[in-house]
C-alpha cells in the first residue's frame, strides 16, 4: 500500500466550476480536462463502470456527466491512477465499499486542494 505522501503527490484534479451550483452537466471533453486524461479514457471508464456511471446522451450520442458522475469518476481515477488498482480490483473495491472509496478519494482531493493553497501562501511569503 502506498504511503499517504506518495498519494498526495499524485493529482486528483477537481474543476473550479465543479463547485458552481448552476452547472448541472459537463461534456465528455470538459470531464477529460478535469481529470487530465484523454477523452478515450473517460469513454472507456464510462463503458467499464456503466453500472455506476449514467451519463446523459443527446441524439448524436454525446455524453454529458452530472456532478454525481464526476464524483464516481474521481473515485475511479483515485483507485486506478493513485492507488494503482487494476480495473478488476477497482470494480471489486467499488462493489464492496463504494461509499468508503468515494470518501477516501474526496479526502485526498481535499488535502491536495489545501496543499495547493498552502504552497501558494508559501510562495507569496517567500516573495516578500
C-alpha atoms as a PDB file:
ATOM      1  CA  UNK A   1       0.000   0.000   0.000  1.00  0.00           C
ATOM      2  CA  UNK A   2       1.310   3.452  -0.916  1.00  0.00           C
ATOM      3  CA  UNK A   3       2.313   5.854   1.755  1.00  0.00           C
ATOM      4  CA  UNK A   4      -0.067   8.865   2.083  1.00  0.00           C
ATOM      5  CA  UNK A   5       2.644  11.325   0.989  1.00  0.00           C
ATOM      6  CA  UNK A   6       3.033   9.458  -2.296  1.00  0.00           C
ATOM      7  CA  UNK A   7      -0.730   9.602  -2.766  1.00  0.00           C
ATOM      8  CA  UNK A   8      -0.752  13.335  -2.057  1.00  0.00           C
ATOM      9  CA  UNK A   9       1.943  13.896  -4.656  1.00  0.00           C
ATOM     10  CA  UNK A  10      -0.420  12.447  -7.260  1.00  0.00           C
ATOM     11  CA  UNK A  11      -3.043  14.718  -8.783  1.00  0.00           C
ATOM     12  CA  UNK A  12      -6.750  14.239  -8.325  1.00  0.00           C
ATOM     13  CA  UNK A  13      -7.824  17.409 -10.051  1.00  0.00           C
ATOM     14  CA  UNK A  14     -11.126  18.999  -9.224  1.00  0.00           C
ATOM     15  CA  UNK A  15     -12.649  21.605 -11.514  1.00  0.00           C
ATOM     16  CA  UNK A  16     -13.235  25.069 -10.136  1.00  0.00           C
ATOM     17  CA  UNK A  17     -16.609  25.017 -11.897  1.00  0.00           C
ATOM     18  CA  UNK A  18     -17.468  21.770 -10.102  1.00  0.00           C
ATOM     19  CA  UNK A  19     -18.429  23.901  -7.121  1.00  0.00           C
ATOM     20  CA  UNK A  20     -20.618  26.122  -9.338  1.00  0.00           C
ATOM     21  CA  UNK A  21     -24.190  25.330  -8.326  1.00  0.00           C
ATOM     22  CA  UNK A  22     -25.629  26.446 -11.691  1.00  0.00           C
ATOM     23  CA  UNK A  23     -23.710  23.841 -13.629  1.00  0.00           C
ATOM     24  CA  UNK A  24     -25.600  20.555 -13.999  1.00  0.00           C
ATOM     25  CA  UNK A  25     -23.644  18.685 -16.688  1.00  0.00           C
ATOM     26  CA  UNK A  26     -20.155  18.523 -18.157  1.00  0.00           C
ATOM     27  CA  UNK A  27     -19.346  17.374 -21.684  1.00  0.00           C
ATOM     28  CA  UNK A  28     -17.004  14.437 -22.120  1.00  0.00           C
ATOM     29  CA  UNK A  29     -14.275  16.867 -23.237  1.00  0.00           C
ATOM     30  CA  UNK A  30     -14.684  19.007 -20.127  1.00  0.00           C
ATOM     31  CA  UNK A  31     -14.731  15.879 -17.995  1.00  0.00           C
ATOM     32  CA  UNK A  32     -11.498  14.666 -19.599  1.00  0.00           C
ATOM     33  CA  UNK A  33      -9.913  18.055 -18.867  1.00  0.00           C
ATOM     34  CA  UNK A  34     -10.995  17.838 -15.238  1.00  0.00           C
ATOM     35  CA  UNK A  35      -9.059  14.609 -14.801  1.00  0.00           C
ATOM     36  CA  UNK A  36      -6.301  15.491 -17.280  1.00  0.00           C
ATOM     37  CA  UNK A  37      -6.864  12.283 -19.219  1.00  0.00           C
ATOM     38  CA  UNK A  38      -7.773  11.666 -22.875  1.00  0.00           C
ATOM     39  CA  UNK A  39     -11.444  11.619 -23.837  1.00  0.00           C
ATOM     40  CA  UNK A  40     -10.981   7.959 -24.758  1.00  0.00           C
ATOM     41  CA  UNK A  41     -10.163   7.181 -21.110  1.00  0.00           C
ATOM     42  CA  UNK A  42     -13.416   8.757 -19.912  1.00  0.00           C
ATOM     43  CA  UNK A  43     -15.310   6.869 -22.626  1.00  0.00           C
ATOM     44  CA  UNK A  44     -13.586   3.624 -21.598  1.00  0.00           C
ATOM     45  CA  UNK A  45     -14.330   4.153 -17.895  1.00  0.00           C
ATOM     46  CA  UNK A  46     -17.913   5.012 -18.797  1.00  0.00           C
ATOM     47  CA  UNK A  47     -18.253   1.668 -20.585  1.00  0.00           C
ATOM     48  CA  UNK A  48     -16.377  -0.379 -17.964  1.00  0.00           C
ATOM     49  CA  UNK A  49     -18.133   1.155 -14.965  1.00  0.00           C
ATOM     50  CA  UNK A  50     -21.538   1.552 -16.620  1.00  0.00           C
ATOM     51  CA  UNK A  51     -23.216   0.109 -13.543  1.00  0.00           C
ATOM     52  CA  UNK A  52     -22.175   3.244 -11.600  1.00  0.00           C
ATOM     53  CA  UNK A  53     -21.948   5.880 -14.337  1.00  0.00           C
ATOM     54  CA  UNK A  54     -25.075   7.014 -16.101  1.00  0.00           C
ATOM     55  CA  UNK A  55     -24.123   9.970 -18.314  1.00  0.00           C
ATOM     56  CA  UNK A  56     -26.896  11.597 -20.282  1.00  0.00           C
ATOM     57  CA  UNK A  57     -26.630  11.400 -24.042  1.00  0.00           C
ATOM     58  CA  UNK A  58     -28.090  13.621 -26.714  1.00  0.00           C
ATOM     59  CA  UNK A  59     -29.406  12.497 -30.105  1.00  0.00           C
ATOM     60  CA  UNK A  60     -25.866  12.497 -31.504  1.00  0.00           C
ATOM     61  CA  UNK A  61     -24.712  10.199 -28.707  1.00  0.00           C
ATOM     62  CA  UNK A  62     -22.582  12.825 -26.942  1.00  0.00           C
ATOM     63  CA  UNK A  63     -22.167  12.062 -23.249  1.00  0.00           C
ATOM     64  CA  UNK A  64     -22.820  14.618 -20.531  1.00  0.00           C
ATOM     65  CA  UNK A  65     -21.761  13.860 -16.976  1.00  0.00           C
ATOM     66  CA  UNK A  66     -23.562  15.033 -13.840  1.00  0.00           C
ATOM     67  CA  UNK A  67     -21.832  16.028 -10.627  1.00  0.00           C
ATOM     68  CA  UNK A  68     -22.592  12.565  -9.293  1.00  0.00           C
ATOM     69  CA  UNK A  69     -20.918  11.028 -12.361  1.00  0.00           C
ATOM     70  CA  UNK A  70     -17.895  13.296 -11.793  1.00  0.00           C
ATOM     71  CA  UNK A  71     -17.685  12.049  -8.199  1.00  0.00           C
ATOM     72  CA  UNK A  72     -17.783   8.434  -9.381  1.00  0.00           C
ATOM     73  CA  UNK A  73     -15.126   9.206 -11.997  1.00  0.00           C
ATOM     74  CA  UNK A  74     -12.986  10.798  -9.285  1.00  0.00           C
ATOM     75  CA  UNK A  75     -13.267   7.558  -7.312  1.00  0.00           C
ATOM     76  CA  UNK A  76     -12.300   5.527 -10.382  1.00  0.00           C
ATOM     77  CA  UNK A  77      -9.377   7.888 -11.009  1.00  0.00           C
ATOM     78  CA  UNK A  78      -8.273   7.555  -7.380  1.00  0.00           C
ATOM     79  CA  UNK A  79      -8.417   3.764  -7.424  1.00  0.00           C
ATOM     80  CA  UNK A  80      -6.755   3.258 -10.805  1.00  0.00           C
ATOM     81  CA  UNK A  81      -4.294   6.137 -11.032  1.00  0.00           C
ATOM     82  CA  UNK A  82      -3.396   6.936  -7.425  1.00  0.00           C
ATOM     83  CA  UNK A  83      -3.690   3.534  -5.757  1.00  0.00           C
ATOM     84  CA  UNK A  84      -2.666   1.669  -8.920  1.00  0.00           C
ATOM     85  CA  UNK A  85      -5.543  -0.818  -8.875  1.00  0.00           C
ATOM     86  CA  UNK A  86      -6.326  -2.864 -11.952  1.00  0.00           C
ATOM     87  CA  UNK A  87      -9.777  -2.313 -13.427  1.00  0.00           C
ATOM     88  CA  UNK A  88     -10.968  -5.572 -11.919  1.00  0.00           C
ATOM     89  CA  UNK A  89      -9.671  -4.675  -8.458  1.00  0.00           C
ATOM     90  CA  UNK A  90     -11.173  -1.178  -8.736  1.00  0.00           C
ATOM     91  CA  UNK A  91     -14.541  -2.707  -9.633  1.00  0.00           C
ATOM     92  CA  UNK A  92     -14.299  -5.043  -6.647  1.00  0.00           C
ATOM     93  CA  UNK A  93     -13.346  -2.181  -4.312  1.00  0.00           C
ATOM     94  CA  UNK A  94     -16.282  -0.134  -5.539  1.00  0.00           C
ATOM     95  CA  UNK A  95     -18.653  -3.086  -5.288  1.00  0.00           C
ATOM     96  CA  UNK A  96     -17.515  -3.879  -1.738  1.00  0.00           C
ATOM     97  CA  UNK A  97     -17.253  -0.332  -0.383  1.00  0.00           C
ATOM     98  CA  UNK A  98     -18.260   2.388  -2.846  1.00  0.00           C
ATOM     99  CA  UNK A  99     -19.035   4.958  -0.147  1.00  0.00           C
ATOM    100  CA  UNK A 100     -15.743   4.354   1.671  1.00  0.00           C
ATOM    101  CA  UNK A 101     -13.678   4.557  -1.510  1.00  0.00           C
ATOM    102  CA  UNK A 102     -15.531   7.693  -2.631  1.00  0.00           C
ATOM    103  CA  UNK A 103     -14.872   9.236   0.790  1.00  0.00           C
ATOM    104  CA  UNK A 104     -11.168   8.375   0.507  1.00  0.00           C
ATOM    105  CA  UNK A 105     -10.999   9.982  -2.936  1.00  0.00           C
ATOM    106  CA  UNK A 106     -12.746  13.094  -1.616  1.00  0.00           C
ATOM    107  CA  UNK A 107     -10.414  13.333   1.380  1.00  0.00           C
ATOM    108  CA  UNK A 108      -7.306  13.028  -0.790  1.00  0.00           C
ATOM    109  CA  UNK A 109      -8.712  15.624  -3.220  1.00  0.00           C
ATOM    110  CA  UNK A 110      -9.420  17.995  -0.311  1.00  0.00           C
ATOM    111  CA  UNK A 111      -5.923  17.517   1.067  1.00  0.00           C
ATOM    112  CA  UNK A 112      -4.480  18.277  -2.368  1.00  0.00           C
ATOM    113  CA  UNK A 113      -6.545  21.463  -2.539  1.00  0.00           C
ATOM    114  CA  UNK A 114      -5.303  22.515   0.908  1.00  0.00           C
ATOM    115  CA  UNK A 115      -1.728  21.648  -0.062  1.00  0.00           C
ATOM    116  CA  UNK A 116      -2.072  23.840  -3.169  1.00  0.00           C
ATOM    117  CA  UNK A 117      -3.383  26.786  -1.152  1.00  0.00           C
ATOM    118  CA  UNK A 118      -0.595  26.432   1.423  1.00  0.00           C
ATOM    119  CA  UNK A 119       2.046  26.246  -1.308  1.00  0.00           C
ATOM    120  CA  UNK A 120       0.644  29.433  -2.894  1.00  0.00           C
ATOM    121  CA  UNK A 121       0.799  31.182   0.501  1.00  0.00           C
ATOM    122  CA  UNK A 122       4.358  29.980   0.988  1.00  0.00           C
ATOM    123  CA  UNK A 123       5.323  31.347  -2.422  1.00  0.00           C
ATOM    124  CA  UNK A 124       3.738  34.715  -1.599  1.00  0.00           C
ATOM    125  CA  UNK A 125       5.588  34.844   1.733  1.00  0.00           C
ATOM    126  CA  UNK A 126       8.886  33.964   0.049  1.00  0.00           C
ATOM    127  CA  UNK A 127       8.430  36.830  -2.414  1.00  0.00           C
ATOM    128  CA  UNK A 128       8.098  39.399   0.387  1.00  0.00           C
END
